[in-house]
Amino acid sequence: MRMDTHVSPEQIDKILNRLRRVEGQARGLQRMIEEGRSCEEILTQLSATRAALDRVGVYLITHKVRECLLEEEEASSEAAIERALETFLRYAQCLNSSGGAESD
């Protein structure tokens, strides 16, 4: 998705601020691990970080769905609805596949 269509500078600032907060939370997680904090504390922070990142994703997917529908001359056109649903399903699939454990 290109962020230059139908997005105000305020919306871009909002997205970037949210991502900066997520970045800060990720750094906080690194510090917690380095400091030897308890698993419960780390997992709580990890959950909050993931939820914040998911909120960014939901914000972006909402924007994309709206963009797909507004780009069509008739918002209820089947092509616009199909594009919006495809975008949503790709994001939902990404959320579902990220829940698995990785082995290093």
PDB file of N, CA and C in Angstrom:
ATOM      1  N   MET A   1       0.839  -1.165   0.000  1.00  0.00           N
ATOM      2  CA  MET A   1       0.000   0.000   0.000  1.00  0.00           C
ATOM      3  C   MET A   1       0.885   1.229   0.000  1.00  0.00           C
ATOM      4  N   ARG A   2       0.588   2.121  -0.895  1.00  0.00           N
ATOM      5  CA  ARG A   2       1.297   3.397  -0.900  1.00  0.00           C
ATOM      6  C   ARG A   2       0.603   4.319   0.074  1.00  0.00           C
ATOM      7  N   MET A   3       1.391   5.047   0.855  1.00  0.00           N
ATOM      8  CA  MET A   3       0.817   5.916   1.874  1.00  0.00           C
ATOM      9  C   MET A   3       0.580   7.333   1.352  1.00  0.00           C
ATOM     10  N   ASP A   4       0.757   7.560   0.031  1.00  0.00           N
ATOM     11  CA  ASP A   4       0.611   8.916  -0.474  1.00  0.00           C
ATOM     12  C   ASP A   4      -0.780   9.216  -1.006  1.00  0.00           C
ATOM     13  N   THR A   5      -1.662   8.237  -1.061  1.00  0.00           N
ATOM     14  CA  THR A   5      -2.996   8.474  -1.580  1.00  0.00           C
ATOM     15  C   THR A   5      -4.002   8.464  -0.436  1.00  0.00           C
ATOM     16  N   HIS A   6      -4.815   9.480  -0.401  1.00  0.00           N
ATOM     17  CA  HIS A   6      -5.901   9.574   0.580  1.00  0.00           C
ATOM     18  C   HIS A   6      -5.427   9.576   2.031  1.00  0.00           C
ATOM     19  N   VAL A   7      -4.178   9.906   2.294  1.00  0.00           N
ATOM     20  CA  VAL A   7      -3.673   9.930   3.661  1.00  0.00           C
ATOM     21  C   VAL A   7      -3.170  11.332   3.971  1.00  0.00           C
ATOM     22  N   SER A   8      -3.690  11.885   5.027  1.00  0.00           N
ATOM     23  CA  SER A   8      -3.268  13.218   5.423  1.00  0.00           C
ATOM     24  C   SER A   8      -1.935  13.151   6.157  1.00  0.00           C
ATOM     25  N   PRO A   9      -1.212  14.253   6.189  1.00  0.00           N
ATOM     26  CA  PRO A   9       0.033  14.276   6.970  1.00  0.00           C
ATOM     27  C   PRO A   9      -0.209  13.927   8.442  1.00  0.00           C
ATOM     28  N   GLU A  10      -1.368  14.306   8.973  1.00  0.00           N
ATOM     29  CA  GLU A  10      -1.695  13.978  10.366  1.00  0.00           C
ATOM     30  C   GLU A  10      -1.821  12.476  10.556  1.00  0.00           C
ATOM     31  N   GLN A  11      -2.432  11.803   9.575  1.00  0.00           N
ATOM     32  CA  GLN A  11      -2.572  10.347   9.669  1.00  0.00           C
ATOM     33  C   GLN A  11      -1.204   9.663   9.595  1.00  0.00           C
ATOM     34  N   ILE A  12      -0.341  10.152   8.716  1.00  0.00           N
ATOM     35  CA  ILE A  12       1.002   9.589   8.618  1.00  0.00           C
ATOM     36  C   ILE A  12       1.747   9.791   9.929  1.00  0.00           C
ATOM     37  N   ASP A  13       1.630  10.984  10.518  1.00  0.00           N
ATOM     38  CA  ASP A  13       2.263  11.237  11.813  1.00  0.00           C
ATOM     39  C   ASP A  13       1.741  10.279  12.878  1.00  0.00           C
ATOM     40  N   LYS A  14       0.438  10.035  12.855  1.00  0.00           N
ATOM     41  CA  LYS A  14      -0.169   9.131  13.834  1.00  0.00           C
ATOM     42  C   LYS A  14       0.406   7.717  13.694  1.00  0.00           C
ATOM     43  N   ILE A  15       0.530   7.240  12.457  1.00  0.00           N
ATOM     44  CA  ILE A  15       1.081   5.907  12.208  1.00  0.00           C
ATOM     45  C   ILE A  15       2.537   5.849  12.674  1.00  0.00           C
ATOM     46  N   LEU A  16       3.314   6.856  12.293  1.00  0.00           N
ATOM     47  CA  LEU A  16       4.732   6.872  12.674  1.00  0.00           C
ATOM     48  C   LEU A  16       4.910   6.954  14.181  1.00  0.00           C
ATOM     49  N   ASN A  17       4.080   7.732  14.864  1.00  0.00           N
ATOM     50  CA  ASN A  17       4.159   7.809  16.330  1.00  0.00           C
ATOM     51  C   ASN A  17       3.858   6.461  16.967  1.00  0.00           C
ATOM     52  N   ARG A  18       2.857   5.775  16.442  1.00  0.00           N
ATOM     53  CA  ARG A  18       2.539   4.445  16.973  1.00  0.00           C
ATOM     54  C   ARG A  18       3.707   3.486  16.770  1.00  0.00           C
ATOM     55  N   LEU A  19       4.318   3.553  15.587  1.00  0.00           N
ATOM     56  CA  LEU A  19       5.460   2.669  15.320  1.00  0.00           C
ATOM     57  C   LEU A  19       6.657   3.022  16.193  1.00  0.00           C
ATOM     58  N   ARG A  20       6.852   4.294  16.473  1.00  0.00           N
ATOM     59  CA  ARG A  20       7.947   4.685  17.374  1.00  0.00           C
ATOM     60  C   ARG A  20       7.709   4.148  18.780  1.00  0.00           C
ATOM     61  N   ARG A  21       6.450   4.155  19.213  1.00  0.00           N
ATOM     62  CA  ARG A  21       6.135   3.589  20.531  1.00  0.00           C
ATOM     63  C   ARG A  21       6.431   2.092  20.552  1.00  0.00           C
ATOM     64  N   VAL A  22       6.073   1.408  19.475  1.00  0.00           N
ATOM     65  CA  VAL A  22       6.362  -0.026  19.384  1.00  0.00           C
ATOM     66  C   VAL A  22       7.871  -0.255  19.419  1.00  0.00           C
ATOM     67  N   GLU A  23       8.609   0.588  18.717  1.00  0.00           N
ATOM     68  CA  GLU A  23      10.072   0.491  18.729  1.00  0.00           C
ATOM     69  C   GLU A  23      10.615   0.660  20.153  1.00  0.00           C
ATOM     70  N   GLY A  24      10.079   1.612  20.884  1.00  0.00           N
ATOM     71  CA  GLY A  24      10.493   1.819  22.273  1.00  0.00           C
ATOM     72  C   GLY A  24      10.154   0.622  23.147  1.00  0.00           C
ATOM     73  N   GLN A  25       8.984   0.044  22.905  1.00  0.00           N
ATOM     74  CA  GLN A  25       8.598  -1.144  23.669  1.00  0.00           C
ATOM     75  C   GLN A  25       9.541  -2.306  23.366  1.00  0.00           C
ATOM     76  N   ALA A  26       9.939  -2.449  22.104  1.00  0.00           N
ATOM     77  CA  ALA A  26      10.870  -3.533  21.739  1.00  0.00           C
ATOM     78  C   ALA A  26      12.228  -3.327  22.420  1.00  0.00           C
ATOM     79  N   ARG A  27      12.677  -2.084  22.472  1.00  0.00           N
ATOM     80  CA  ARG A  27      13.935  -1.810  23.184  1.00  0.00           C
ATOM     81  C   ARG A  27      13.780  -2.120  24.672  1.00  0.00           C
ATOM     82  N   GLY A  28      12.626  -1.787  25.216  1.00  0.00           N
ATOM     83  CA  GLY A  28      12.355  -2.096  26.617  1.00  0.00           C
ATOM     84  C   GLY A  28      12.405  -3.591  26.874  1.00  0.00           C
ATOM     85  N   LEU A  29      11.893  -4.374  25.938  1.00  0.00           N
ATOM     86  CA  LEU A  29      11.966  -5.835  26.065  1.00  0.00           C
ATOM     87  C   LEU A  29      13.417  -6.304  26.088  1.00  0.00           C
ATOM     88  N   GLN A  30      14.236  -5.733  25.227  1.00  0.00           N
ATOM     89  CA  GLN A  30      15.654  -6.107  25.210  1.00  0.00           C
ATOM     90  C   GLN A  30      16.310  -5.796  26.548  1.00  0.00           C
ATOM     91  N   ARG A  31      16.021  -4.630  27.096  1.00  0.00           N
ATOM     92  CA  ARG A  31      16.591  -4.260  28.409  1.00  0.00           C
ATOM     93  C   ARG A  31      16.113  -5.212  29.496  1.00  0.00           C
ATOM     94  N   MET A  32      14.833  -5.550  29.452  1.00  0.00           N
ATOM     95  CA  MET A  32      14.287  -6.450  30.467  1.00  0.00           C
ATOM     96  C   MET A  32      15.013  -7.794  30.444  1.00  0.00           C
ATOM     97  N   ILE A  33      15.281  -8.295  29.246  1.00  0.00           N
ATOM     98  CA  ILE A  33      15.983  -9.579  29.123  1.00  0.00           C
ATOM     99  C   ILE A  33      17.413  -9.440  29.627  1.00  0.00           C
ATOM    100  N   GLU A  34      18.078  -8.353  29.241  1.00  0.00           N
ATOM    101  CA  GLU A  34      19.450  -8.114  29.706  1.00  0.00           C
ATOM    102  C   GLU A  34      19.512  -7.994  31.227  1.00  0.00           C
ATOM    103  N   GLU A  35      18.483  -7.409  31.826  1.00  0.00           N
ATOM    104  CA  GLU A  35      18.441  -7.220  33.279  1.00  0.00           C
ATOM    105  C   GLU A  35      18.002  -8.477  34.021  1.00  0.00           C
ATOM    106  N   GLY A  36      17.593  -9.501  33.290  1.00  0.00           N
ATOM    107  CA  GLY A  36      17.170 -10.743  33.924  1.00  0.00           C
ATOM    108  C   GLY A  36      15.813 -10.647  34.596  1.00  0.00           C
ATOM    109  N   ARG A  37      14.922  -9.827  34.053  1.00  0.00           N
ATOM    110  CA  ARG A  37      13.580  -9.686  34.635  1.00  0.00           C
ATOM    111  C   ARG A  37      12.818 -11.001  34.513  1.00  0.00           C
ATOM    112  N   SER A  38      11.779 -11.128  35.286  1.00  0.00           N
ATOM    113  CA  SER A  38      11.011 -12.382  35.326  1.00  0.00           C
ATOM    114  C   SER A  38      10.289 -12.626  34.001  1.00  0.00           C
ATOM    115  N   CYS A  39      10.049 -13.909  33.734  1.00  0.00           N
ATOM    116  CA  CYS A  39       9.340 -14.285  32.512  1.00  0.00           C
ATOM    117  C   CYS A  39       7.968 -13.634  32.441  1.00  0.00           C
ATOM    118  N   GLU A  40       7.274 -13.562  33.582  1.00  0.00           N
ATOM    119  CA  GLU A  40       5.944 -12.953  33.584  1.00  0.00           C
ATOM    120  C   GLU A  40       6.005 -11.493  33.149  1.00  0.00           C
ATOM    121  N   GLU A  41       6.979 -10.748  33.652  1.00  0.00           N
ATOM    122  CA  GLU A  41       7.120  -9.339  33.278  1.00  0.00           C
ATOM    123  C   GLU A  41       7.440  -9.199  31.790  1.00  0.00           C
ATOM    124  N   ILE A  42       8.357 -10.041  31.325  1.00  0.00           N
ATOM    125  CA  ILE A  42       8.751  -9.981  29.917  1.00  0.00           C
ATOM    126  C   ILE A  42       7.575 -10.348  29.015  1.00  0.00           C
ATOM    127  N   LEU A  43       6.855 -11.399  29.371  1.00  0.00           N
ATOM    128  CA  LEU A  43       5.716 -11.817  28.547  1.00  0.00           C
ATOM    129  C   LEU A  43       4.598 -10.783  28.553  1.00  0.00           C
ATOM    130  N   THR A  44       4.399 -10.123  29.680  1.00  0.00           N
ATOM    131  CA  THR A  44       3.400  -9.056  29.746  1.00  0.00           C
ATOM    132  C   THR A  44       3.777  -7.923  28.794  1.00  0.00           C
ATOM    133  N   GLN A  45       5.051  -7.533  28.827  1.00  0.00           N
ATOM    134  CA  GLN A  45       5.522  -6.469  27.934  1.00  0.00           C
ATOM    135  C   GLN A  45       5.478  -6.921  26.477  1.00  0.00           C
ATOM    136  N   LEU A  46       5.820  -8.168  26.219  1.00  0.00           N
ATOM    137  CA  LEU A  46       5.767  -8.703  24.863  1.00  0.00           C
ATOM    138  C   LEU A  46       4.343  -8.670  24.328  1.00  0.00           C
ATOM    139  N   SER A  47       3.392  -9.040  25.170  1.00  0.00           N
ATOM    140  CA  SER A  47       1.991  -9.010  24.779  1.00  0.00           C
ATOM    141  C   SER A  47       1.538  -7.576  24.458  1.00  0.00           C
ATOM    142  N   ALA A  48       1.958  -6.627  25.277  1.00  0.00           N
ATOM    143  CA  ALA A  48       1.602  -5.222  25.040  1.00  0.00           C
ATOM    144  C   ALA A  48       2.227  -4.717  23.739  1.00  0.00           C
ATOM    145  N   THR A  49       3.453  -5.133  23.464  1.00  0.00           N
ATOM    146  CA  THR A  49       4.145  -4.720  22.247  1.00  0.00           C
ATOM    147  C   THR A  49       3.446  -5.284  21.018  1.00  0.00           C
ATOM    148  N   ARG A  50       3.115  -6.538  21.089  1.00  0.00           N
ATOM    149  CA  ARG A  50       2.420  -7.172  19.960  1.00  0.00           C
ATOM    150  C   ARG A  50       1.053  -6.531  19.737  1.00  0.00           C
ATOM    151  N   ALA A  51       0.327  -6.240  20.807  1.00  0.00           N
ATOM    152  CA  ALA A  51      -0.979  -5.599  20.674  1.00  0.00           C
ATOM    153  C   ALA A  51      -0.838  -4.216  20.036  1.00  0.00           C
ATOM    154  N   ALA A  52       0.201  -3.479  20.416  1.00  0.00           N
ATOM    155  CA  ALA A  52       0.421  -2.154  19.830  1.00  0.00           C
ATOM    156  C   ALA A  52       0.722  -2.272  18.342  1.00  0.00           C
ATOM    157  N   LEU A  53       1.504  -3.258  17.954  1.00  0.00           N
ATOM    158  CA  LEU A  53       1.817  -3.463  16.546  1.00  0.00           C
ATOM    159  C   LEU A  53       0.563  -3.904  15.781  1.00  0.00           C
ATOM    160  N   ASP A  54      -0.245  -4.748  16.403  1.00  0.00           N
ATOM    161  CA  ASP A  54      -1.507  -5.161  15.782  1.00  0.00           C
ATOM    162  C   ASP A  54      -2.435  -3.962  15.570  1.00  0.00           C
ATOM    163  N   ARG A  55      -2.437  -3.018  16.515  1.00  0.00           N
ATOM    164  CA  ARG A  55      -3.270  -1.821  16.350  1.00  0.00           C
ATOM    165  C   ARG A  55      -2.816  -0.999  15.148  1.00  0.00           C
ATOM    166  N   VAL A  56      -1.507  -0.943  14.915  1.00  0.00           N
ATOM    167  CA  VAL A  56      -1.003  -0.260  13.719  1.00  0.00           C
ATOM    168  C   VAL A  56      -1.521  -0.989  12.478  1.00  0.00           C
ATOM    169  N   GLY A  57      -1.449  -2.301  12.485  1.00  0.00           N
ATOM    170  CA  GLY A  57      -1.936  -3.085  11.353  1.00  0.00           C
ATOM    171  C   GLY A  57      -3.412  -2.871  11.096  1.00  0.00           C
ATOM    172  N   VAL A  58      -4.207  -2.848  12.139  1.00  0.00           N
ATOM    173  CA  VAL A  58      -5.645  -2.630  11.990  1.00  0.00           C
ATOM    174  C   VAL A  58      -5.906  -1.233  11.431  1.00  0.00           C
ATOM    175  N   TYR A  59      -5.165  -0.248  11.919  1.00  0.00           N
ATOM    176  CA  TYR A  59      -5.303   1.116  11.405  1.00  0.00           C
ATOM    177  C   TYR A  59      -4.991   1.147   9.908  1.00  0.00           C
ATOM    178  N   LEU A  60      -3.900   0.488   9.501  1.00  0.00           N
ATOM    179  CA  LEU A  60      -3.519   0.470   8.094  1.00  0.00           C
ATOM    180  C   LEU A  60      -4.510  -0.306   7.237  1.00  0.00           C
ATOM    181  N   ILE A  61      -4.984  -1.432   7.733  1.00  0.00           N
ATOM    182  CA  ILE A  61      -5.928  -2.231   6.952  1.00  0.00           C
ATOM    183  C   ILE A  61      -7.250  -1.484   6.802  1.00  0.00           C
ATOM    184  N   THR A  62      -7.653  -0.764   7.836  1.00  0.00           N
ATOM    185  CA  THR A  62      -8.876   0.041   7.749  1.00  0.00           C
ATOM    186  C   THR A  62      -8.715   1.103   6.678  1.00  0.00           C
ATOM    187  N   HIS A  63      -7.542   1.746   6.662  1.00  0.00           N
ATOM    188  CA  HIS A  63      -7.272   2.758   5.642  1.00  0.00           C
ATOM    189  C   HIS A  63      -7.324   2.138   4.244  1.00  0.00           C
ATOM    190  N   LYS A  64      -6.712   0.973   4.077  1.00  0.00           N
ATOM    191  CA  LYS A  64      -6.653   0.329   2.765  1.00  0.00           C
ATOM    192  C   LYS A  64      -8.038  -0.080   2.292  1.00  0.00           C
ATOM    193  N   VAL A  65      -8.848  -0.615   3.166  1.00  0.00           N
ATOM    194  CA  VAL A  65     -10.206  -1.006   2.785  1.00  0.00           C
ATOM    195  C   VAL A  65     -10.985   0.235   2.352  1.00  0.00           C
ATOM    196  N   ARG A  66     -10.877   1.288   3.124  1.00  0.00           N
ATOM    197  CA  ARG A  66     -11.554   2.537   2.772  1.00  0.00           C
ATOM    198  C   ARG A  66     -11.059   3.043   1.412  1.00  0.00           C
ATOM    199  N   GLU A  67      -9.738   2.982   1.199  1.00  0.00           N
ATOM    200  CA  GLU A  67      -9.150   3.434  -0.069  1.00  0.00           C
ATOM    201  C   GLU A  67      -9.671   2.609  -1.242  1.00  0.00           C
ATOM    202  N   CYS A  68      -9.737   1.298  -1.072  1.00  0.00           N
ATOM    203  CA  CYS A  68     -10.241   0.425  -2.146  1.00  0.00           C
ATOM    204  C   CYS A  68     -11.672   0.802  -2.512  1.00  0.00           C
ATOM    205  N   LEU A  69     -12.468   1.075  -1.514  1.00  0.00           N
ATOM    206  CA  LEU A  69     -13.876   1.381  -1.772  1.00  0.00           C
ATOM    207  C   LEU A  69     -14.059   2.778  -2.354  1.00  0.00           C
ATOM    208  N   LEU A  70     -13.233   3.724  -1.946  1.00  0.00           N
ATOM    209  CA  LEU A  70     -13.359   5.085  -2.461  1.00  0.00           C
ATOM    210  C   LEU A  70     -12.804   5.240  -3.874  1.00  0.00           C
ATOM    211  N   GLU A  71     -11.857   4.400  -4.262  1.00  0.00           N
ATOM    212  CA  GLU A  71     -11.259   4.507  -5.593  1.00  0.00           C
ATOM    213  C   GLU A  71     -12.225   4.122  -6.689  1.00  0.00           C
ATOM    214  N   GLU A  72     -13.156   3.269  -6.384  1.00  0.00           N
ATOM    215  CA  GLU A  72     -14.129   2.838  -7.385  1.00  0.00           C
ATOM    216  C   GLU A  72     -15.207   3.896  -7.528  1.00  0.00           C
ATOM    217  N   GLU A  73     -15.718   4.021  -8.754  1.00  0.00           N
ATOM    218  CA  GLU A  73     -16.773   5.006  -8.972  1.00  0.00           C
ATOM    219  C   GLU A  73     -18.009   4.662  -8.152  1.00  0.00           C
ATOM    220  N   GLU A  74     -18.299   3.396  -8.071  1.00  0.00           N
ATOM    221  CA  GLU A  74     -19.430   2.962  -7.257  1.00  0.00           C
ATOM    222  C   GLU A  74     -18.874   2.115  -6.119  1.00  0.00           C
ATOM    223  N   ALA A  75     -18.964   2.626  -4.902  1.00  0.00           N
ATOM    224  CA  ALA A  75     -18.313   1.985  -3.754  1.00  0.00           C
ATOM    225  C   ALA A  75     -18.780   0.562  -3.528  1.00  0.00           C
ATOM    226  N   SER A  76     -19.969   0.240  -3.972  1.00  0.00           N
ATOM    227  CA  SER A  76     -20.455  -1.118  -3.745  1.00  0.00           C
ATOM    228  C   SER A  76     -20.112  -2.056  -4.891  1.00  0.00           C
ATOM    229  N   SER A  77     -19.243  -1.625  -5.803  1.00  0.00           N
ATOM    230  CA  SER A  77     -18.892  -2.493  -6.921  1.00  0.00           C
ATOM    231  C   SER A  77     -18.217  -3.754  -6.408  1.00  0.00           C
ATOM    232  N   GLU A  78     -18.448  -4.821  -7.106  1.00  0.00           N
ATOM    233  CA  GLU A  78     -17.895  -6.101  -6.687  1.00  0.00           C
ATOM    234  C   GLU A  78     -16.365  -6.091  -6.718  1.00  0.00           C
ATOM    235  N   ALA A  79     -15.768  -5.414  -7.695  1.00  0.00           N
ATOM    236  CA  ALA A  79     -14.303  -5.357  -7.789  1.00  0.00           C
ATOM    237  C   ALA A  79     -13.703  -4.648  -6.578  1.00  0.00           C
ATOM    238  N   ALA A  80     -14.307  -3.541  -6.150  1.00  0.00           N
ATOM    239  CA  ALA A  80     -13.798  -2.793  -4.991  1.00  0.00           C
ATOM    240  C   ALA A  80     -13.918  -3.629  -3.726  1.00  0.00           C
ATOM    241  N   ILE A  81     -15.035  -4.267  -3.565  1.00  0.00           N
ATOM    242  CA  ILE A  81     -15.252  -5.103  -2.379  1.00  0.00           C
ATOM    243  C   ILE A  81     -14.270  -6.267  -2.378  1.00  0.00           C
ATOM    244  N   GLU A  82     -14.050  -6.866  -3.532  1.00  0.00           N
ATOM    245  CA  GLU A  82     -13.118  -7.994  -3.635  1.00  0.00           C
ATOM    246  C   GLU A  82     -11.695  -7.567  -3.274  1.00  0.00           C
ATOM    247  N   ARG A  83     -11.240  -6.421  -3.786  1.00  0.00           N
ATOM    248  CA  ARG A  83      -9.899  -5.932  -3.459  1.00  0.00           C
ATOM    249  C   ARG A  83      -9.765  -5.654  -1.964  1.00  0.00           C
ATOM    250  N   ALA A  84     -10.798  -5.038  -1.383  1.00  0.00           N
ATOM    251  CA  ALA A  84     -10.765  -4.740   0.046  1.00  0.00           C
ATOM    252  C   ALA A  84     -10.696  -6.029   0.860  1.00  0.00           C
ATOM    253  N   LEU A  85     -11.489  -7.021   0.493  1.00  0.00           N
ATOM    254  CA  LEU A  85     -11.485  -8.296   1.219  1.00  0.00           C
ATOM    255  C   LEU A  85     -10.162  -9.034   1.061  1.00  0.00           C
ATOM    256  N   GLU A  86      -9.580  -9.004  -0.125  1.00  0.00           N
ATOM    257  CA  GLU A  86      -8.278  -9.645  -0.325  1.00  0.00           C
ATOM    258  C   GLU A  86      -7.221  -9.030   0.570  1.00  0.00           C
ATOM    259  N   THR A  87      -7.228  -7.717   0.670  1.00  0.00           N
ATOM    260  CA  THR A  87      -6.266  -7.024   1.526  1.00  0.00           C
ATOM    261  C   THR A  87      -6.463  -7.427   2.978  1.00  0.00           C
ATOM    262  N   PHE A  88      -7.712  -7.431   3.421  1.00  0.00           N
ATOM    263  CA  PHE A  88      -8.018  -7.817   4.795  1.00  0.00           C
ATOM    264  C   PHE A  88      -7.589  -9.256   5.069  1.00  0.00           C
ATOM    265  N   LEU A  89      -7.904 -10.162   4.155  1.00  0.00           N
ATOM    266  CA  LEU A  89      -7.573 -11.569   4.368  1.00  0.00           C
ATOM    267  C   LEU A  89      -6.073 -11.810   4.388  1.00  0.00           C
ATOM    268  N   ARG A  90      -5.304 -11.084   3.574  1.00  0.00           N
ATOM    269  CA  ARG A  90      -3.845 -11.214   3.616  1.00  0.00           C
ATOM    270  C   ARG A  90      -3.325 -10.814   4.984  1.00  0.00           C
ATOM    271  N   TYR A  91      -3.853  -9.726   5.533  1.00  0.00           N
ATOM    272  CA  TYR A  91      -3.414  -9.286   6.856  1.00  0.00           C
ATOM    273  C   TYR A  91      -3.836 -10.290   7.933  1.00  0.00           C
ATOM    274  N   ALA A  92      -5.065 -10.762   7.846  1.00  0.00           N
ATOM    275  CA  ALA A  92      -5.554 -11.737   8.834  1.00  0.00           C
ATOM    276  C   ALA A  92      -4.723 -13.015   8.785  1.00  0.00           C
ATOM    277  N   GLN A  93      -4.345 -13.456   7.582  1.00  0.00           N
ATOM    278  CA  GLN A  93      -3.520 -14.648   7.439  1.00  0.00           C
ATOM    279  C   GLN A  93      -2.150 -14.426   8.070  1.00  0.00           C
ATOM    280  N   CYS A  94      -1.611 -13.231   7.918  1.00  0.00           N
ATOM    281  CA  CYS A  94      -0.324 -12.885   8.523  1.00  0.00           C
ATOM    282  C   CYS A  94      -0.422 -12.975  10.043  1.00  0.00           C
ATOM    283  N   LEU A  95      -1.522 -12.491  10.612  1.00  0.00           N
ATOM    284  CA  LEU A  95      -1.715 -12.565  12.061  1.00  0.00           C
ATOM    285  C   LEU A  95      -1.782 -14.011  12.526  1.00  0.00           C
ATOM    286  N   ASN A  96      -2.506 -14.836  11.785  1.00  0.00           N
ATOM    287  CA  ASN A  96      -2.651 -16.242  12.167  1.00  0.00           C
ATOM    288  C   ASN A  96      -1.340 -16.993  12.068  1.00  0.00           C
ATOM    289  N   SER A  97      -0.532 -16.685  11.068  1.00  0.00           N
ATOM    290  CA  SER A  97       0.709 -17.432  10.894  1.00  0.00           C
ATOM    291  C   SER A  97       1.810 -16.973  11.833  1.00  0.00           C
ATOM    292  N   SER A  98       1.647 -15.796  12.454  1.00  0.00           N
ATOM    293  CA  SER A  98       2.702 -15.300  13.335  1.00  0.00           C
ATOM    294  C   SER A  98       2.607 -15.863  14.748  1.00  0.00           C
ATOM    295  N   GLY A  99       1.607 -16.671  15.027  1.00  0.00           N
ATOM    296  CA  GLY A  99       1.437 -17.178  16.372  1.00  0.00           C
ATOM    297  C   GLY A  99       2.284 -18.381  16.708  1.00  0.00           C
ATOM    298  N   GLY A 100       2.940 -18.965  15.708  1.00  0.00           N
ATOM    299  CA  GLY A 100       3.720 -20.174  15.954  1.00  0.00           C
ATOM    300  C   GLY A 100       5.063 -19.882  16.583  1.00  0.00           C
ATOM    301  N   ALA A 101       5.636 -20.898  17.176  1.00  0.00           N
ATOM    302  CA  ALA A 101       6.950 -20.753  17.816  1.00  0.00           C
ATOM    303  C   ALA A 101       8.050 -20.963  16.794  1.00  0.00           C
ATOM    304  N   GLU A 102       9.086 -20.201  16.928  1.00  0.00           N
ATOM    305  CA  GLU A 102      10.275 -20.322  16.071  1.00  0.00           C
ATOM    306  C   GLU A 102      11.333 -21.099  16.815  1.00  0.00           C
ATOM    307  N   SER A 103      12.129 -21.821  16.064  1.00  0.00           N
ATOM    308  CA  SER A 103      13.283 -22.469  16.705  1.00  0.00           C
ATOM    309  C   SER A 103      14.541 -21.936  16.050  1.00  0.00           C
ATOM    310  N   ASP A 104      15.490 -21.518  16.856  1.00  0.00           N
ATOM    311  CA  ASP A 104      16.753 -20.984  16.335  1.00  0.00           C
ATOM    312  C   ASP A 104      17.859 -21.982  16.534  1.00  0.00           C
TER     313      ASP A 104
END
